[in-house]
């Protein structure tokens, strides 16, 4: 019997962090059949990989493909960027469970909190489910180009149980008990864990906090215990400043399960905060509690307009603007008192916020009017100095003059490379936070793994390539309990990434129009990628997603404890 695929003479980075070695790898029936030098086998396809590196496919632990997967089983652009397994449902912003009466509310919340187009969601989402188990069944029927692991989401569970009250108050003991029952059902159906958020940046429609933000400590503790009722599950939370690591350690102790903490990003105006969190995470691990900090290897840069200004929506002073649109929004943005309140808040220290008034890191990307074209690619700080204006006033005045259609970009967090290097090499950090599937018009970090290997390994030398591969593969597999992926071993699933270490990386983002209704999203091309295989089936090559790529991904529903 011949093998399906034989990759010869590749430099193999097996995912363990060990030294690479040159060998052949043979695949049969979606599994790695053999690894060794000069394998005496025949194959339907033979690739000479001399000079190239072969590693397990990237496991992206922080995506938001929950809606997109229902209309785009290829979860573009991730497969072409080396991702072979994606965890969806992060932050608890899922679309299941969801009653028909709550669908519009759910889509409107996603429009706000995850920067998604309401028209895209309305046209794209296939609502063939209500319960979480029914959602998993739909995913299994539809297939996907990558393997999927699905969190059950706190905000969705809260909305199912509490309706409108989910965004108004704490839950009663009886409501918490009903939520716990839903989570136990979801775990029994195959959820990888339970995800939540307490971040003040996470607001739904009209600036109303996402439901999970109103949960009490008692609710969080009860729900993580429900998640772990059979001894499994990962608890993932995007924590706000009011949620101490000490509480998360208590949750890990109560459940006996890992706690994944997002989003640990470096803030130039409060540079010690993220390291204080990581120190607390290290101390918890020393006491036997499994806490992991999700960090990013990418600078957080977002495009935005003042009609949808995600970077500033977490500011308390901006909250009055969130429910407004049209003339009412323009009037508020022109109000001197509103502007003074925003300036005052930005001048005050804060534990964490996305935007900190660093106007030299905000640029005009695209002016809506020809007479303003010369402002493009210049910082607000520079333009305000030229005009003799306060930077906030300059930005708001320009946006108002262009009916809020001006496109800006802001480099928000993670811009200090020396500090980011420390985050990436911390013993209890996980390189993550691509947010793939969300913020489609604002930024695209789906190529985070290629960026880690290109920029941080080849260009900066922050870690070895073997260690970078481990952090992108087997580290996540071990946390989630995925036993047959993340390592190149005989018998494991043939999730593979073939690349050139000398050129691997990600290209600059560009705008494409392939969302439902022809809407635009930011897209990033891979650099140095020669092939991506999911369960032995090739889904991408050096040109990107292959034509008629097979939906070879598996819905992962069984995890080791």
Protein backbone atom coordinates (compact mmCIF):
# COMPACT_ATOMS: atom_id res chain seq x y z
CA UNK A 1 0.00 0.00 0.00
CA UNK A 2 1.46 3.40 -0.96
CA UNK A 3 1.23 6.44 1.27
CA UNK A 4 -0.82 9.51 0.41
CA UNK A 5 2.06 11.95 0.94
CA UNK A 6 5.81 11.76 1.44
CA UNK A 7 7.76 14.88 2.40
CA UNK A 8 11.47 14.23 1.92
CA UNK A 9 14.51 15.83 3.53
CA UNK A 10 12.66 18.44 5.58
CA UNK A 11 14.22 20.08 8.62
CA UNK A 12 11.73 18.87 11.19
CA UNK A 13 10.70 21.00 14.15
CA UNK A 14 8.53 18.45 15.91
CA UNK A 15 6.75 20.81 18.34
CA UNK A 16 8.51 19.59 21.47
CA UNK A 17 11.02 22.44 21.54
CA UNK A 18 13.85 19.98 20.90
CA UNK A 19 16.59 20.40 18.34
CA UNK A 20 15.48 20.13 14.69
CA UNK A 21 16.58 17.21 12.54
CA UNK A 22 16.49 16.38 8.84
CA UNK A 23 14.15 13.51 7.97
CA UNK A 24 11.29 12.30 5.79
CA UNK A 25 7.68 12.24 6.93
CA UNK A 26 5.03 9.93 5.43
CA UNK A 27 1.27 10.38 5.70
CA UNK A 28 -1.43 7.79 5.18
CA UNK A 29 -5.15 8.11 5.92
CA UNK A 30 -4.78 11.53 7.52
CA UNK A 31 -2.19 10.32 10.05
CA UNK A 32 1.58 10.48 10.27
CA UNK A 33 2.66 6.95 9.36
CA UNK A 34 6.41 7.30 9.68
CA UNK A 35 9.23 9.77 10.39
CA UNK A 36 12.82 8.86 9.55
CA UNK A 37 15.76 9.27 7.24
CA UNK A 38 15.38 8.00 3.66
CA UNK A 39 12.07 6.24 4.31
CA UNK A 40 11.72 3.26 1.90
CA UNK A 41 8.13 4.06 0.94
CA UNK A 42 6.15 5.03 -2.14
CA UNK A 43 3.54 7.78 -2.10
CA UNK A 44 0.93 9.26 -4.38
CA UNK A 45 2.64 12.64 -3.91
CA UNK A 46 6.28 13.23 -3.06
CA UNK A 47 7.62 16.66 -2.06
CA UNK A 48 11.34 17.43 -1.97
CA UNK A 49 11.55 19.73 1.07
CA UNK A 50 15.32 20.22 1.13
CA UNK A 51 16.06 23.58 2.75
CA UNK A 52 12.51 23.91 4.09
CA UNK A 53 11.20 23.40 7.61
CA UNK A 54 8.28 21.17 8.59
CA UNK A 55 6.32 21.68 11.82
CA UNK A 56 2.91 20.81 13.26
CA UNK A 57 0.12 23.14 12.14
CA UNK A 58 -0.42 26.23 14.30
CA UNK A 59 -3.05 26.00 17.03
CA UNK A 60 -4.76 29.39 17.32
CA UNK A 61 -6.16 29.52 20.84
CA UNK A 62 -7.99 32.85 20.55
CA UNK A 63 -10.37 33.26 17.60
CA UNK A 64 -13.90 34.51 17.04
CA UNK A 65 -15.01 32.42 14.06
CA UNK A 66 -18.34 31.49 15.73
CA UNK A 67 -20.43 33.47 13.24
CA UNK A 68 -18.13 33.33 10.18
CA UNK A 69 -17.87 29.52 10.25
CA UNK A 70 -21.59 29.28 9.46
CA UNK A 71 -21.12 31.00 6.06
CA UNK A 72 -17.41 30.45 5.44
CA UNK A 73 -16.21 26.95 6.36
CA UNK A 74 -12.74 27.97 5.14
CA UNK A 75 -12.48 30.49 8.01
CA UNK A 76 -10.43 32.80 5.82
CA UNK A 77 -7.63 33.76 6.09
CA UNK A 78 -6.35 31.42 8.84
CA UNK A 79 -5.63 28.15 6.95
CA UNK A 80 -3.37 29.91 4.45
CA UNK A 81 -1.48 31.41 7.41
CA UNK A 82 -0.56 28.01 8.81
CA UNK A 83 -3.40 27.55 11.28
CA UNK A 84 -4.77 24.01 11.39
CA UNK A 85 -6.74 24.15 14.66
CA UNK A 86 -8.76 27.07 16.04
CA UNK A 87 -10.45 27.58 19.40
CA UNK A 88 -13.62 29.62 18.92
CA UNK A 89 -15.96 31.31 21.40
CA UNK A 90 -13.28 33.27 23.24
CA UNK A 91 -14.39 35.98 25.69
CA UNK A 92 -17.78 34.23 25.80
CA UNK A 93 -19.01 36.07 22.69
CA UNK A 94 -20.64 33.03 21.11
CA UNK A 95 -23.83 32.66 19.07
CA UNK A 96 -24.98 29.53 20.91
CA UNK A 97 -27.07 28.89 22.84
CA UNK A 98 -29.43 31.45 21.30
CA UNK A 99 -33.22 31.52 21.00
CA UNK A 100 -34.72 32.95 17.79
CA UNK A 101 -36.02 35.92 19.78
CA UNK A 102 -32.45 36.79 20.83
CA UNK A 103 -30.76 36.52 17.43
CA UNK A 104 -31.06 40.19 16.51
CA UNK A 105 -29.79 41.23 19.95
CA UNK A 106 -26.85 38.82 19.64
CA UNK A 107 -25.88 40.15 16.22
CA UNK A 108 -26.15 43.77 17.35
CA UNK A 109 -23.92 43.02 20.33
CA UNK A 110 -21.32 41.36 18.08
CA UNK A 111 -21.43 44.40 15.80
CA UNK A 112 -20.34 46.55 18.73
CA UNK A 113 -18.06 44.30 20.80
CA UNK A 114 -16.28 42.50 17.97
CA UNK A 115 -16.33 45.16 15.28
CA UNK A 116 -18.51 43.17 12.89
CA UNK A 117 -20.87 44.49 10.24
CA UNK A 118 -24.53 44.01 11.15
CA UNK A 119 -25.42 43.61 7.47
CA UNK A 120 -22.77 40.88 7.10
CA UNK A 121 -24.07 39.03 10.16
CA UNK A 122 -27.69 39.30 9.05
CA UNK A 123 -26.90 38.02 5.57
CA UNK A 124 -24.31 35.47 6.59
CA UNK A 125 -25.22 33.60 9.78
CA UNK A 126 -27.09 30.34 9.20
CA UNK A 127 -29.31 29.92 12.23
CA UNK A 128 -29.98 26.18 12.16
CA UNK A 129 -29.64 25.77 15.92
CA UNK A 130 -30.77 27.05 19.29
CA UNK A 131 -28.86 25.01 21.86
CA UNK A 132 -25.10 24.62 22.09
CA UNK A 133 -25.35 20.93 21.17
CA UNK A 134 -27.37 21.84 18.07
CA UNK A 135 -24.71 24.40 17.12
CA UNK A 136 -22.00 21.74 17.33
CA UNK A 137 -24.16 19.43 15.19
CA UNK A 138 -24.46 22.18 12.56
CA UNK A 139 -20.68 22.67 12.54
CA UNK A 140 -20.18 18.95 12.09
CA UNK A 141 -22.64 18.85 9.17
CA UNK A 142 -21.09 21.87 7.47
CA UNK A 143 -17.46 20.90 7.93
CA UNK A 144 -14.49 23.23 8.08
CA UNK A 145 -11.03 23.61 6.60
CA UNK A 146 -9.44 23.54 10.08
CA UNK A 147 -10.06 21.60 13.26
CA UNK A 148 -12.34 23.40 15.72
CA UNK A 149 -12.57 23.44 19.50
CA UNK A 150 -15.56 25.39 20.85
CA UNK A 151 -16.02 27.25 24.11
CA UNK A 152 -19.50 27.71 25.53
CA UNK A 153 -19.92 31.44 26.11
CA UNK A 154 -20.94 33.21 29.31
CA UNK A 155 -22.81 36.09 27.65
CA UNK A 156 -24.86 33.69 25.53
CA UNK A 157 -25.72 31.47 28.50
CA UNK A 158 -26.65 34.51 30.59
CA UNK A 159 -28.92 35.87 27.85
CA UNK A 160 -30.61 32.47 27.43
CA UNK A 161 -31.43 32.32 31.15
CA UNK A 162 -32.05 35.98 32.01
CA UNK A 163 -33.26 37.66 28.80
CA UNK A 164 -33.19 41.47 29.04
CA UNK A 165 -32.09 41.28 32.67
CA UNK A 166 -28.75 39.78 31.57
CA UNK A 167 -27.41 43.29 30.96
CA UNK A 168 -29.17 44.90 33.93
CA UNK A 169 -28.27 43.09 37.14
CA UNK A 170 -26.57 40.24 38.94
CA UNK A 171 -28.15 36.81 38.66
CA UNK A 172 -30.19 35.19 41.41
CA UNK A 173 -29.09 31.84 42.88
CA UNK A 174 -31.83 30.12 40.87
CA UNK A 175 -30.64 31.76 37.63
CA UNK A 176 -27.06 30.78 38.38
CA UNK A 177 -28.21 27.20 38.89
CA UNK A 178 -29.92 27.24 35.48
CA UNK A 179 -26.78 28.66 33.85
CA UNK A 180 -24.70 25.96 35.51
CA UNK A 181 -27.02 23.29 34.09
CA UNK A 182 -26.56 24.72 30.57
CA UNK A 183 -22.80 24.68 30.95
CA UNK A 184 -22.79 21.08 32.15
CA UNK A 185 -24.89 20.16 29.09
CA UNK A 186 -22.48 22.01 26.79
CA UNK A 187 -19.46 20.27 28.30
CA UNK A 188 -21.17 16.91 27.89
CA UNK A 189 -21.85 17.81 24.23
CA UNK A 190 -18.15 18.47 23.60
CA UNK A 191 -17.25 22.04 24.59
CA UNK A 192 -13.54 22.60 25.21
CA UNK A 193 -14.37 24.87 28.12
CA UNK A 194 -16.20 27.96 29.31
CA UNK A 195 -15.29 31.52 28.23
CA UNK A 196 -16.16 34.88 29.76
CA UNK A 197 -15.16 38.55 29.92
CA UNK A 198 -15.11 41.23 32.59
CA UNK A 199 -13.23 43.77 30.44
CA UNK A 200 -14.63 47.34 30.45
CA UNK A 201 -13.74 47.52 26.75
CA UNK A 202 -16.36 44.87 25.98
CA UNK A 203 -19.65 46.66 25.34
CA UNK A 204 -22.65 45.54 23.35
CA UNK A 205 -25.15 47.57 21.38
CA UNK A 206 -25.47 51.15 22.55
CA UNK A 207 -22.51 50.85 24.91
CA UNK A 208 -24.35 48.54 27.31
CA UNK A 209 -21.91 46.15 29.01
CA UNK A 210 -21.82 42.64 27.61
CA UNK A 211 -23.85 40.33 29.88
CA UNK A 212 -20.88 38.55 31.49
CA UNK A 213 -19.61 41.86 32.85
CA UNK A 214 -22.51 41.94 35.32
CA UNK A 215 -21.73 38.54 36.82
CA UNK A 216 -20.86 38.32 40.51
CA UNK A 217 -17.87 36.44 41.86
CA UNK A 218 -20.29 33.79 43.10
CA UNK A 219 -21.62 33.35 39.55
CA UNK A 220 -18.13 32.99 38.06
CA UNK A 221 -17.15 30.44 40.70
CA UNK A 222 -20.34 28.41 40.28
CA UNK A 223 -20.00 28.31 36.50
CA UNK A 224 -16.37 27.23 36.42
CA UNK A 225 -17.28 24.44 38.84
CA UNK A 226 -20.10 23.44 36.48
CA UNK A 227 -17.61 23.41 33.59
CA UNK A 228 -15.36 21.02 35.52
CA UNK A 229 -18.15 18.66 36.62
CA UNK A 230 -16.56 15.75 34.75
CA UNK A 231 -12.99 16.79 35.45
CA UNK A 232 -12.35 18.61 32.15
CA UNK A 233 -12.48 22.02 30.54
CA UNK A 234 -10.47 25.22 30.27
CA UNK A 235 -11.82 28.48 31.71
CA UNK A 236 -10.94 31.44 29.49
CA UNK A 237 -11.57 35.03 30.58
CA UNK A 238 -10.68 38.47 29.27
CA UNK A 239 -10.29 40.15 32.61
CA UNK A 240 -10.95 43.72 33.55
CA UNK A 241 -8.90 45.67 36.06
CA UNK A 242 -11.39 44.88 38.81
CA UNK A 243 -10.90 41.12 38.42
CA UNK A 244 -7.77 40.26 40.39
CA UNK A 245 -5.51 37.34 39.56
CA UNK A 246 -6.18 36.15 43.13
CA UNK A 247 -9.83 35.44 42.19
CA UNK A 248 -8.70 33.55 39.09
CA UNK A 249 -6.35 31.50 41.22
CA UNK A 250 -9.29 30.69 43.50
CA UNK A 251 -11.27 29.59 40.45
CA UNK A 252 -8.42 27.32 39.33
CA UNK A 253 -8.25 25.86 42.84
CA UNK A 254 -12.01 25.26 43.07
CA UNK A 255 -12.23 23.60 39.66
CA UNK A 256 -8.85 21.95 39.41
CA UNK A 257 -8.75 23.19 35.80
CA UNK A 258 -6.52 25.61 33.84
CA UNK A 259 -7.50 29.28 33.70
CA UNK A 260 -6.56 31.14 30.52
CA UNK A 261 -6.28 34.91 31.11
CA UNK A 262 -6.51 37.50 28.33
CA UNK A 263 -5.53 39.99 27.17
CA UNK A 264 -2.08 40.64 28.59
CA UNK A 265 -0.79 43.47 26.41
CA UNK A 266 1.92 46.01 27.21
CA UNK A 267 0.70 49.54 27.84
CA UNK A 268 3.31 52.25 27.40
CA UNK A 269 1.57 54.59 29.83
CA UNK A 270 1.35 51.93 32.58
CA UNK A 271 4.28 49.66 31.70
CA UNK A 272 4.40 47.66 34.92
CA UNK A 273 0.80 46.47 35.01
CA UNK A 274 1.12 43.52 32.62
CA UNK A 275 4.25 42.27 34.37
CA UNK A 276 2.53 42.52 37.76
CA UNK A 277 -0.19 40.23 36.37
CA UNK A 278 2.40 37.80 35.04
CA UNK A 279 4.21 37.81 38.41
CA UNK A 280 0.91 36.91 40.10
CA UNK A 281 0.34 34.17 37.52
CA UNK A 282 3.83 32.76 38.23
CA UNK A 283 3.16 32.78 41.97
CA UNK A 284 -0.13 30.93 41.45
CA UNK A 285 1.61 28.28 39.35
CA UNK A 286 4.22 27.85 42.10
CA UNK A 287 1.29 27.00 44.39
CA UNK A 288 0.07 24.36 41.94
CA UNK A 289 -2.67 26.43 40.25
CA UNK A 290 -2.63 26.36 36.45
CA UNK A 291 -2.93 29.94 35.23
CA UNK A 292 -1.82 30.94 31.73
CA UNK A 293 -1.54 34.50 30.39
CA UNK A 294 -2.51 35.05 26.75
CA UNK A 295 -0.04 37.49 25.17
CA UNK A 296 0.35 38.82 21.64
CA UNK A 297 3.44 39.00 19.44
CA UNK A 298 1.81 41.74 17.33
CA UNK A 299 1.47 45.46 18.01
CA UNK A 300 -2.23 46.14 18.46
CA UNK A 301 -3.02 48.48 15.59
CA UNK A 302 -6.59 49.27 14.57
CA UNK A 303 -8.25 51.16 11.76
CA UNK A 304 -11.42 53.00 12.77
CA UNK A 305 -13.77 55.85 12.00
CA UNK A 306 -15.47 58.14 14.49
CA UNK A 307 -18.75 56.49 13.53
CA UNK A 308 -17.34 53.21 14.91
CA UNK A 309 -14.42 54.20 17.16
CA UNK A 310 -13.58 50.89 18.87
CA UNK A 311 -10.29 52.11 20.42
CA UNK A 312 -12.04 54.73 22.59
CA UNK A 313 -15.30 52.94 23.32
CA UNK A 314 -13.95 51.64 26.64
CA UNK A 315 -13.56 55.21 27.97
CA UNK A 316 -16.21 56.14 30.54
CA UNK A 317 -16.39 59.62 29.03
CA UNK A 318 -17.23 58.15 25.61
CA UNK A 319 -20.18 56.10 26.84
CA UNK A 320 -22.80 58.80 26.06
CA UNK A 321 -21.76 58.62 22.39
CA UNK A 322 -22.23 54.88 21.98
CA UNK A 323 -26.03 54.75 21.55
CA UNK A 324 -26.06 57.78 19.22
CA UNK A 325 -25.82 58.04 15.46
CA UNK A 326 -26.38 60.62 12.74
CA UNK A 327 -26.99 64.22 13.78
CA UNK A 328 -27.18 63.38 17.49
CA UNK A 329 -23.73 61.76 17.44
CA UNK A 330 -22.22 64.62 15.46
CA UNK A 331 -23.66 67.15 17.92
CA UNK A 332 -22.14 65.35 20.90
CA UNK A 333 -18.71 65.04 19.23
CA UNK A 334 -18.78 68.80 18.62
CA UNK A 335 -19.74 69.57 22.25
CA UNK A 336 -16.82 71.27 24.08
CA UNK A 337 -17.90 69.77 27.42
CA UNK A 338 -17.84 66.24 25.96
CA UNK A 339 -14.36 66.87 24.62
CA UNK A 340 -13.16 68.21 27.97
CA UNK A 341 -14.42 65.09 29.75
CA UNK A 342 -12.58 62.84 27.27
CA UNK A 343 -9.35 64.86 27.63
CA UNK A 344 -9.61 64.75 31.43
CA UNK A 345 -10.04 60.98 31.46
CA UNK A 346 -7.13 60.43 29.09
CA UNK A 347 -4.90 62.60 31.30
CA UNK A 348 -5.65 60.44 34.38
CA UNK A 349 -3.70 57.20 35.02
CA UNK A 350 -5.54 53.93 34.42
CA UNK A 351 -4.72 50.27 35.06
CA UNK A 352 -5.70 49.32 31.53
CA UNK A 353 -7.34 50.95 28.54
CA UNK A 354 -6.93 50.53 24.81
CA UNK A 355 -6.26 54.16 23.96
CA UNK A 356 -4.13 56.41 26.16
CA UNK A 357 -3.96 59.68 24.27
CA UNK A 358 -0.72 58.83 22.45
CA UNK A 359 -1.53 61.04 19.48
CA UNK A 360 1.80 60.43 17.77
CA UNK A 361 0.56 56.84 17.27
CA UNK A 362 -2.71 57.88 15.58
CA UNK A 363 -2.64 58.57 11.82
CA UNK A 364 -5.03 59.59 9.09
CA UNK A 365 -5.22 56.59 6.76
CA UNK A 366 -7.78 57.77 4.25
CA UNK A 367 -9.47 61.14 3.96
CA UNK A 368 -12.98 61.19 2.53
CA UNK A 369 -12.51 64.52 0.73
CA UNK A 370 -9.96 65.37 -1.91
CA UNK A 371 -9.01 68.62 -0.17
CA UNK A 372 -7.80 66.61 2.83
CA UNK A 373 -5.68 64.07 0.92
CA UNK A 374 -2.42 65.71 2.02
CA UNK A 375 -3.26 64.79 5.63
CA UNK A 376 -3.00 61.05 4.89
CA UNK A 377 -0.20 58.99 6.47
CA UNK A 378 0.53 61.76 8.97
CA UNK A 379 0.06 61.57 12.72
CA UNK A 380 -2.64 63.49 14.56
CA UNK A 381 0.06 64.88 16.85
CA UNK A 382 1.93 66.39 13.88
CA UNK A 383 -1.21 67.67 12.17
CA UNK A 384 -2.52 69.22 15.39
CA UNK A 385 0.79 71.02 15.97
CA UNK A 386 0.66 72.40 12.44
CA UNK A 387 -2.91 73.61 12.94
CA UNK A 388 -2.25 75.00 16.42
CA UNK A 389 -4.99 72.78 17.87
CA UNK A 390 -5.42 70.25 20.63
CA UNK A 391 -5.04 66.75 19.07
CA UNK A 392 -8.49 65.53 20.18
CA UNK A 393 -10.07 68.66 18.74
CA UNK A 394 -8.19 68.22 15.47
CA UNK A 395 -9.28 64.60 15.05
CA UNK A 396 -12.91 65.27 15.92
CA UNK A 397 -13.08 68.41 13.77
CA UNK A 398 -11.64 66.58 10.77
CA UNK A 399 -14.03 63.66 11.23
CA UNK A 400 -17.03 65.97 11.56
CA UNK A 401 -15.97 67.88 8.45
CA UNK A 402 -16.02 64.56 6.56
CA UNK A 403 -19.31 63.30 8.00
CA UNK A 404 -17.41 60.78 10.19
CA UNK A 405 -16.08 58.93 7.11
CA UNK A 406 -12.36 59.65 7.76
CA UNK A 407 -10.40 56.43 8.35
CA UNK A 408 -7.82 56.63 11.12
CA UNK A 409 -5.37 54.06 12.45
CA UNK A 410 -4.05 53.83 16.00
CA UNK A 411 -1.17 51.83 17.38
CA UNK A 412 -2.68 51.09 20.75
CA UNK A 413 -0.70 48.56 22.75
CA UNK A 414 2.33 46.25 22.49
CA UNK A 415 4.46 48.81 20.68
CA UNK A 416 7.49 48.54 23.02
CA UNK A 417 9.39 45.64 21.48
CA UNK A 418 11.75 45.09 24.41
CA UNK A 419 8.75 44.72 26.72
CA UNK A 420 6.85 42.51 24.28
CA UNK A 421 9.88 40.24 24.01
CA UNK A 422 9.68 39.71 27.78
CA UNK A 423 5.99 38.80 27.49
CA UNK A 424 6.65 36.27 24.73
CA UNK A 425 9.34 34.43 26.67
CA UNK A 426 7.58 34.37 30.04
CA UNK A 427 7.29 30.78 31.31
CA UNK A 428 3.53 31.07 31.88
CA UNK A 429 2.50 33.03 28.78
CA UNK A 430 0.81 31.66 25.68
CA UNK A 431 1.38 33.45 22.36
CA UNK A 432 -2.15 34.08 21.16
CA UNK A 433 -4.75 36.84 20.73
CA UNK A 434 -5.11 36.76 16.95
CA UNK A 435 -8.83 37.63 17.31
CA UNK A 436 -9.27 36.03 13.87
CA UNK A 437 -12.89 36.30 12.76
CA UNK A 438 -13.48 39.56 14.64
CA UNK A 439 -12.66 43.24 14.00
CA UNK A 440 -12.60 42.36 10.30
CA UNK A 441 -12.50 45.98 9.13
CA UNK A 442 -10.13 47.19 11.88
CA UNK A 443 -7.15 44.82 11.95
CA UNK A 444 -5.98 41.33 11.05
CA UNK A 445 -3.56 39.40 13.27
CA UNK A 446 -4.49 35.94 11.96
CA UNK A 447 -0.88 35.57 10.79
CA UNK A 448 0.48 35.92 14.34
CA UNK A 449 2.31 32.58 14.17
CA UNK A 450 4.18 33.50 10.99
CA UNK A 451 5.00 36.89 12.53
CA UNK A 452 6.40 35.18 15.64
CA UNK A 453 8.71 33.01 13.53
CA UNK A 454 9.71 35.75 11.10
CA UNK A 455 10.00 38.90 13.17
CA UNK A 456 10.69 37.64 16.67
CA UNK A 457 12.83 34.60 15.82
CA UNK A 458 14.65 35.45 12.58
CA UNK A 459 14.88 39.24 12.89
CA UNK A 460 14.97 39.84 16.65
CA UNK A 461 16.40 36.56 17.98
CA UNK A 462 14.14 36.66 21.04
CA UNK A 463 13.76 32.87 21.06
CA UNK A 464 14.85 29.87 19.02
CA UNK A 465 12.72 28.66 16.15
CA UNK A 466 12.24 25.35 17.98
CA UNK A 467 10.84 27.20 21.01
CA UNK A 468 8.58 29.37 18.83
CA UNK A 469 7.18 26.23 17.19
CA UNK A 470 6.53 24.68 20.61
CA UNK A 471 4.68 27.78 21.75
CA UNK A 472 2.50 27.72 18.62
CA UNK A 473 1.69 24.00 18.75
CA UNK A 474 2.22 21.55 21.60
CA UNK A 475 1.85 24.15 24.35
CA UNK A 476 -1.76 24.87 23.39
CA UNK A 477 -2.48 21.20 22.67
CA UNK A 478 -1.37 20.30 26.20
CA UNK A 479 -3.46 23.06 27.82
CA UNK A 480 -6.61 22.06 25.94
CA UNK A 481 -5.99 18.32 26.27
CA UNK A 482 -5.71 17.69 22.51
CA UNK A 483 -3.73 14.47 22.63
CA UNK A 484 -2.95 13.71 18.98
CA UNK A 485 -2.01 17.12 17.60
CA UNK A 486 0.68 19.69 18.24
CA UNK A 487 3.55 17.20 17.91
CA UNK A 488 4.96 15.43 14.86
CA UNK A 489 4.76 11.84 16.07
CA UNK A 490 3.91 8.58 14.34
CA UNK A 491 0.17 8.00 14.71
CA UNK A 492 -0.69 11.66 15.32
CA UNK A 493 -2.98 13.63 13.01
CA UNK A 494 -1.14 14.96 9.96
CA UNK A 495 -1.62 18.67 10.65
CA UNK A 496 1.45 20.11 8.93
CA UNK A 497 3.04 23.43 8.01
CA UNK A 498 5.89 23.46 5.47
CA UNK A 499 7.76 26.79 5.31
CA UNK A 500 11.01 28.56 4.55
CA UNK A 501 12.61 29.90 7.77
CA UNK A 502 14.54 32.47 5.72
CA UNK A 503 11.40 34.23 4.46
CA UNK A 504 8.50 33.20 6.73
CA UNK A 505 6.31 36.06 7.92
CA UNK A 506 3.14 37.94 7.11
CA UNK A 507 2.57 40.55 4.44
CA UNK A 508 1.00 43.94 5.01
CA UNK A 509 -2.77 43.95 5.42
CA UNK A 510 -4.90 44.78 2.41
CA UNK A 511 -8.62 45.20 1.91
CA UNK A 512 -10.66 42.50 0.14
CA UNK A 513 -14.40 42.36 -0.54
CA UNK A 514 -15.46 38.76 0.05
CA UNK A 515 -17.84 38.99 3.01
CA UNK A 516 -21.60 38.44 2.52
CA UNK A 517 -23.00 41.29 0.48
CA UNK A 518 -19.55 42.11 -0.91
CA UNK A 519 -18.50 43.86 2.29
CA UNK A 520 -14.81 44.50 2.96
CA UNK A 521 -12.39 42.98 5.44
CA UNK A 522 -8.66 43.29 6.05
CA UNK A 523 -6.67 40.36 4.65
CA UNK A 524 -3.06 39.32 5.27
CA UNK A 525 -1.06 37.08 2.92
CA UNK A 526 1.46 34.53 4.13
CA UNK A 527 5.15 34.84 3.34
CA UNK A 528 7.42 31.82 3.07
CA UNK A 529 4.64 29.23 3.40
CA UNK A 530 4.94 26.30 0.98
CA UNK A 531 2.11 24.06 2.18
CA UNK A 532 -0.49 23.53 4.90
CA UNK A 533 -2.20 20.17 5.51
CA UNK A 534 -5.10 19.42 7.84
CA UNK A 535 -5.56 15.75 8.66
CA UNK A 536 -3.34 14.93 5.70
CA UNK A 537 -5.31 16.99 3.15
CA UNK A 538 -3.63 20.05 1.64
CA UNK A 539 -5.60 23.24 2.24
CA UNK A 540 -3.01 25.88 1.28
CA UNK A 541 0.18 26.30 -0.74
CA UNK A 542 2.52 29.16 -1.55
CA UNK A 543 -0.27 31.05 -3.32
CA UNK A 544 -2.74 30.81 -0.45
CA UNK A 545 -5.86 28.68 -0.06
CA UNK A 546 -5.84 25.97 -2.72
CA UNK A 547 -8.68 25.76 -5.24
CA UNK A 548 -11.52 23.59 -3.95
CA UNK A 549 -9.66 23.04 -0.69
CA UNK A 550 -11.11 20.07 1.17
CA UNK A 551 -13.07 20.64 4.36
CA UNK A 552 -10.77 18.23 6.15
CA UNK A 553 -10.99 19.71 9.64
CA UNK A 554 -12.47 17.80 12.56
CA UNK A 555 -14.83 19.09 15.23
CA UNK A 556 -12.88 18.32 18.39
CA UNK A 557 -15.15 17.24 21.23
CA UNK A 558 -12.96 14.90 23.31
CA UNK A 559 -10.14 16.24 25.40
CA UNK A 560 -7.76 14.65 27.89
CA UNK A 561 -8.10 15.76 31.52
